[in-house]
Amino acid sequence: MSREGKKRIVVEIDEHIHAEWMTKLHDDEITQTKLFRAVMEAYIKDDAIMRKFVDKYKEKFKIQSRAKRYRIAKNIEKSKKVKQSLNITEDELDSIFDVIESHHSEL
């Protein structure tokens, strides 16, 4: 399989955490690659459960102020409404981003 157009993600974690991670993956019968891809897709697609997780994480670790998190949530809601009003499917939106990327690869 060609690696062209692919990026590798590397995460360093403590050995104990790694052992727990691998055990949990084994119990759930899922590979870490499949889990990472599922998490990334949920994050990118702005899945409601993932959004809630990220919001709680940012609040717990004081990543952003409450006001900034509120503004981000409002912007996400606005973008969803615009997509709905334009009746754009996810595939069409992906195609638009592909065209933009092909013309502006530095983005």
C-alpha atoms as a PDB file:
ATOM      1  CA  MET A   1       0.000   0.000   0.000  1.00  0.00           C
ATOM      2  CA  SER A   2       1.335   3.408  -0.959  1.00  0.00           C
ATOM      3  CA  ARG A   3       1.999   5.918   1.815  1.00  0.00           C
ATOM      4  CA  GLU A   4       1.715   8.867  -0.575  1.00  0.00           C
ATOM      5  CA  GLY A   5      -0.732  11.405   0.764  1.00  0.00           C
ATOM      6  CA  LYS A   6      -0.670   9.790   4.220  1.00  0.00           C
ATOM      7  CA  LYS A   7       0.580  11.209   7.524  1.00  0.00           C
ATOM      8  CA  ARG A   8       1.788   9.283  10.556  1.00  0.00           C
ATOM      9  CA  ILE A   9       0.748  10.256  14.079  1.00  0.00           C
ATOM     10  CA  VAL A  10       3.024   9.296  16.962  1.00  0.00           C
ATOM     11  CA  VAL A  11       2.124   9.622  20.635  1.00  0.00           C
ATOM     12  CA  GLU A  12       4.469   9.002  23.541  1.00  0.00           C
ATOM     13  CA  ILE A  13       2.838   7.556  26.643  1.00  0.00           C
ATOM     14  CA  ASP A  14       3.955   5.965  29.897  1.00  0.00           C
ATOM     15  CA  GLU A  15       4.517   2.164  29.763  1.00  0.00           C
ATOM     16  CA  HIS A  16       1.820   1.568  32.376  1.00  0.00           C
ATOM     17  CA  ILE A  17      -0.724   3.589  30.382  1.00  0.00           C
ATOM     18  CA  HIS A  18       0.300   1.709  27.231  1.00  0.00           C
ATOM     19  CA  ALA A  19      -0.338  -1.629  28.933  1.00  0.00           C
ATOM     20  CA  GLU A  20      -3.779  -0.467  30.088  1.00  0.00           C
ATOM     21  CA  TRP A  21      -4.474   0.917  26.600  1.00  0.00           C
ATOM     22  CA  MET A  22      -3.559  -2.354  24.879  1.00  0.00           C
ATOM     23  CA  THR A  23      -5.605  -4.385  27.367  1.00  0.00           C
ATOM     24  CA  LYS A  24      -8.643  -2.189  26.830  1.00  0.00           C
ATOM     25  CA  LEU A  25      -8.262  -2.387  23.042  1.00  0.00           C
ATOM     26  CA  HIS A  26      -7.999  -6.169  23.293  1.00  0.00           C
ATOM     27  CA  ASP A  27     -11.126  -6.331  25.480  1.00  0.00           C
ATOM     28  CA  ASP A  28     -13.044  -4.203  22.966  1.00  0.00           C
ATOM     29  CA  GLU A  29     -11.607  -6.203  20.052  1.00  0.00           C
ATOM     30  CA  ILE A  30     -10.511  -3.111  18.149  1.00  0.00           C
ATOM     31  CA  THR A  31      -7.121  -2.063  16.819  1.00  0.00           C
ATOM     32  CA  GLN A  32      -5.606   1.229  17.855  1.00  0.00           C
ATOM     33  CA  THR A  33      -5.549   2.306  14.204  1.00  0.00           C
ATOM     34  CA  LYS A  34      -9.290   1.718  13.836  1.00  0.00           C
ATOM     35  CA  LEU A  35     -10.001   3.478  17.122  1.00  0.00           C
ATOM     36  CA  PHE A  36      -7.844   6.501  16.220  1.00  0.00           C
ATOM     37  CA  ARG A  37      -9.528   6.747  12.832  1.00  0.00           C
ATOM     38  CA  ALA A  38     -12.981   6.543  14.427  1.00  0.00           C
ATOM     39  CA  VAL A  39     -12.072   9.213  16.985  1.00  0.00           C
ATOM     40  CA  MET A  40     -10.610  11.488  14.310  1.00  0.00           C
ATOM     41  CA  GLU A  41     -13.662  11.063  12.105  1.00  0.00           C
ATOM     42  CA  ALA A  42     -16.009  11.822  15.017  1.00  0.00           C
ATOM     43  CA  TYR A  43     -13.947  14.919  15.866  1.00  0.00           C
ATOM     44  CA  ILE A  44     -13.775  16.153  12.285  1.00  0.00           C
ATOM     45  CA  LYS A  45     -17.478  15.483  11.626  1.00  0.00           C
ATOM     46  CA  ASP A  46     -18.309  17.300  14.872  1.00  0.00           C
ATOM     47  CA  ASP A  47     -20.139  14.317  16.341  1.00  0.00           C
ATOM     48  CA  ALA A  48     -22.315  15.442  19.267  1.00  0.00           C
ATOM     49  CA  ILE A  49     -20.797  12.927  21.721  1.00  0.00           C
ATOM     50  CA  MET A  50     -17.257  13.892  20.688  1.00  0.00           C
ATOM     51  CA  ARG A  51     -18.100  17.606  20.952  1.00  0.00           C
ATOM     52  CA  LYS A  52     -19.401  17.042  24.488  1.00  0.00           C
ATOM     53  CA  PHE A  53     -16.232  15.115  25.409  1.00  0.00           C
ATOM     54  CA  VAL A  54     -13.956  17.839  24.024  1.00  0.00           C
ATOM     55  CA  ASP A  55     -15.944  20.566  25.766  1.00  0.00           C
ATOM     56  CA  LYS A  56     -15.729  18.752  29.111  1.00  0.00           C
ATOM     57  CA  TYR A  57     -11.997  18.171  28.585  1.00  0.00           C
ATOM     58  CA  LYS A  58     -11.370  21.843  27.822  1.00  0.00           C
ATOM     59  CA  GLU A  59     -13.394  22.876  30.859  1.00  0.00           C
ATOM     60  CA  LYS A  60     -11.692  20.377  33.191  1.00  0.00           C
ATOM     61  CA  PHE A  61      -8.171  21.386  32.155  1.00  0.00           C
ATOM     62  CA  LYS A  62      -9.002  25.074  31.696  1.00  0.00           C
ATOM     63  CA  ILE A  63      -7.979  25.028  28.032  1.00  0.00           C
ATOM     64  CA  GLN A  64     -10.221  27.985  27.176  1.00  0.00           C
ATOM     65  CA  SER A  65     -12.327  30.457  29.060  1.00  0.00           C
ATOM     66  CA  ARG A  66     -16.031  29.747  29.462  1.00  0.00           C
ATOM     67  CA  ALA A  67     -16.801  32.729  27.222  1.00  0.00           C
ATOM     68  CA  LYS A  68     -14.553  31.447  24.428  1.00  0.00           C
ATOM     69  CA  ARG A  69     -16.061  27.938  24.644  1.00  0.00           C
ATOM     70  CA  TYR A  70     -19.509  29.540  24.426  1.00  0.00           C
ATOM     71  CA  ARG A  71     -18.523  31.552  21.315  1.00  0.00           C
ATOM     72  CA  ILE A  72     -17.091  28.429  19.672  1.00  0.00           C
ATOM     73  CA  ALA A  73     -20.304  26.503  20.400  1.00  0.00           C
ATOM     74  CA  LYS A  74     -22.356  29.332  18.892  1.00  0.00           C
ATOM     75  CA  ASN A  75     -20.159  29.374  15.770  1.00  0.00           C
ATOM     76  CA  ILE A  76     -20.564  25.617  15.377  1.00  0.00           C
ATOM     77  CA  GLU A  77     -24.336  25.976  15.614  1.00  0.00           C
ATOM     78  CA  LYS A  78     -24.290  28.793  13.045  1.00  0.00           C
ATOM     79  CA  SER A  79     -22.238  26.710  10.617  1.00  0.00           C
ATOM     80  CA  LYS A  80     -24.655  23.786  10.995  1.00  0.00           C
ATOM     81  CA  LYS A  81     -27.593  26.093  10.228  1.00  0.00           C
ATOM     82  CA  VAL A  82     -25.830  27.490   7.147  1.00  0.00           C
ATOM     83  CA  LYS A  83     -25.109  23.965   5.892  1.00  0.00           C
ATOM     84  CA  GLN A  84     -28.739  23.005   6.440  1.00  0.00           C
ATOM     85  CA  SER A  85     -30.048  26.119   4.718  1.00  0.00           C
ATOM     86  CA  LEU A  86     -27.795  25.498   1.706  1.00  0.00           C
ATOM     87  CA  ASN A  87     -28.731  21.801   1.723  1.00  0.00           C
ATOM     88  CA  ILE A  88     -25.095  20.724   1.285  1.00  0.00           C
ATOM     89  CA  THR A  89     -24.244  17.068   1.904  1.00  0.00           C
ATOM     90  CA  GLU A  90     -21.029  16.009   3.630  1.00  0.00           C
ATOM     91  CA  ASP A  91     -19.731  14.592   0.322  1.00  0.00           C
ATOM     92  CA  GLU A  92     -20.373  17.902  -1.439  1.00  0.00           C
ATOM     93  CA  LEU A  93     -18.659  19.777   1.380  1.00  0.00           C
ATOM     94  CA  ASP A  94     -15.668  17.412   1.170  1.00  0.00           C
ATOM     95  CA  SER A  95     -15.507  18.045  -2.580  1.00  0.00           C
ATOM     96  CA  ILE A  96     -15.480  21.802  -1.995  1.00  0.00           C
ATOM     97  CA  PHE A  97     -12.601  21.464   0.474  1.00  0.00           C
ATOM     98  CA  ASP A  98     -10.735  19.201  -1.980  1.00  0.00           C
ATOM     99  CA  VAL A  99     -11.012  21.880  -4.695  1.00  0.00           C
ATOM    100  CA  ILE A 100      -9.811  24.579  -2.280  1.00  0.00           C
ATOM    101  CA  GLU A 101      -6.899  22.397  -1.186  1.00  0.00           C
ATOM    102  CA  SER A 102      -5.892  21.619  -4.777  1.00  0.00           C
ATOM    103  CA  HIS A 103      -5.693  25.342  -5.548  1.00  0.00           C
ATOM    104  CA  HIS A 104      -4.174  26.413  -2.214  1.00  0.00           C
ATOM    105  CA  SER A 105      -1.999  23.537  -1.028  1.00  0.00           C
ATOM    106  CA  GLU A 106      -0.247  25.807   1.495  1.00  0.00           C
ATOM    107  CA  LEU A 107      -3.442  25.900   3.606  1.00  0.00           C
END
